[in-house]
């Protein structure tokens, strides 16, 4: 990445900005959902922690299932064994 030149640096920066924007968007969505359910402030952190743990467990389950079946594990076109789109 250090020697990738201006193009690689621009792509990295654009990806970074996109991820930051999406994370801020997620915080807004969490606030809207919690306020619509009138979740007490002291329980909001517990629910966020539960959501994070549940999401990680679900992701591990999906990867485990693919690995056990012998399917390639990866993301998008860069996954090993997938055809290019």
Protein backbone atom coordinates (compact mmCIF):
# COMPACT_ATOMS: atom_id res chain seq x y z
CA UNK A 1 0.00 0.00 0.00
CA UNK A 2 2.87 2.36 0.72
CA UNK A 3 4.27 1.89 -2.75
CA UNK A 4 0.91 1.64 -4.52
CA UNK A 5 0.95 5.20 -5.78
CA UNK A 6 -1.71 7.86 -5.89
CA UNK A 7 -4.43 5.61 -7.30
CA UNK A 8 -4.18 3.09 -4.44
CA UNK A 9 -4.04 5.89 -1.89
CA UNK A 10 -7.14 7.53 -3.33
CA UNK A 11 -9.03 4.23 -3.31
CA UNK A 12 -8.02 3.56 0.29
CA UNK A 13 -9.10 7.06 1.38
CA UNK A 14 -12.44 6.75 -0.44
CA UNK A 15 -13.06 3.40 1.25
CA UNK A 16 -12.16 4.86 4.63
CA UNK A 17 -14.53 7.81 4.20
CA UNK A 18 -17.31 5.47 3.04
CA UNK A 19 -16.88 3.22 6.10
CA UNK A 20 -16.92 6.23 8.43
CA UNK A 21 -20.13 7.51 6.83
CA UNK A 22 -21.76 4.10 7.16
CA UNK A 23 -20.79 3.81 10.82
CA UNK A 24 -22.32 7.21 11.59
CA UNK A 25 -25.43 6.15 9.66
CA UNK A 26 -25.63 2.98 11.78
CA UNK A 27 -25.48 5.03 14.99
CA UNK A 28 -28.38 7.15 13.75
CA UNK A 29 -30.41 4.02 12.93
CA UNK A 30 -29.69 2.55 16.39
CA UNK A 31 -30.87 5.75 18.06
CA UNK A 32 -34.08 5.83 16.00
CA UNK A 33 -34.85 2.18 16.74
CA UNK A 34 -34.18 2.50 20.47
CA UNK A 35 -36.22 5.68 20.78
CA UNK A 36 -39.13 4.18 18.82
CA UNK A 37 -39.21 1.21 21.22
CA UNK A 38 -38.81 3.63 24.17
CA UNK A 39 -35.92 1.57 25.51
CA UNK A 40 -34.65 3.04 28.80
CA UNK A 41 -31.24 4.70 28.57
CA UNK A 42 -29.65 2.26 31.04
CA UNK A 43 -30.71 -0.74 28.92
CA UNK A 44 -29.50 0.63 25.58
CA UNK A 45 -25.88 -0.46 26.11
CA UNK A 46 -27.01 -3.99 27.04
CA UNK A 47 -29.07 -4.25 23.87
CA UNK A 48 -26.20 -2.99 21.71
CA UNK A 49 -23.87 -5.53 23.30
CA UNK A 50 -26.41 -8.29 22.72
CA UNK A 51 -26.76 -7.24 19.07
CA UNK A 52 -23.00 -7.24 18.52
CA UNK A 53 -22.52 -10.64 20.18
CA UNK A 54 -25.47 -12.12 18.27
CA UNK A 55 -24.14 -10.77 14.95
CA UNK A 56 -20.67 -12.17 15.60
CA UNK A 57 -22.09 -15.56 16.60
CA UNK A 58 -24.24 -15.61 13.45
CA UNK A 59 -21.24 -14.74 11.28
CA UNK A 60 -19.13 -17.46 12.90
CA UNK A 61 -21.97 -19.92 12.31
CA UNK A 62 -22.20 -19.02 8.64
CA UNK A 63 -18.44 -19.30 8.12
CA UNK A 64 -18.33 -22.58 10.05
CA UNK A 65 -21.16 -24.03 7.96
CA UNK A 66 -19.48 -23.03 4.69
CA UNK A 67 -16.12 -24.37 5.87
CA UNK A 68 -17.67 -27.65 6.99
CA UNK A 69 -19.41 -28.13 3.62
CA UNK A 70 -16.17 -27.45 1.77
CA UNK A 71 -17.44 -24.26 0.15
CA UNK A 72 -14.98 -21.42 -0.34
CA UNK A 73 -15.06 -18.88 2.46
CA UNK A 74 -14.50 -15.27 1.48
CA UNK A 75 -16.14 -12.09 0.37
CA UNK A 76 -17.21 -11.23 -3.15
CA UNK A 77 -15.02 -11.85 -6.15
CA UNK A 78 -11.89 -12.19 -4.05
CA UNK A 79 -13.08 -15.39 -2.41
CA UNK A 80 -11.06 -18.41 -3.37
CA UNK A 81 -12.81 -20.66 -5.80
CA UNK A 82 -15.56 -18.28 -6.88
CA UNK A 83 -16.09 -17.24 -10.47
CA UNK A 84 -15.36 -13.68 -11.50
CA UNK A 85 -18.37 -11.47 -12.12
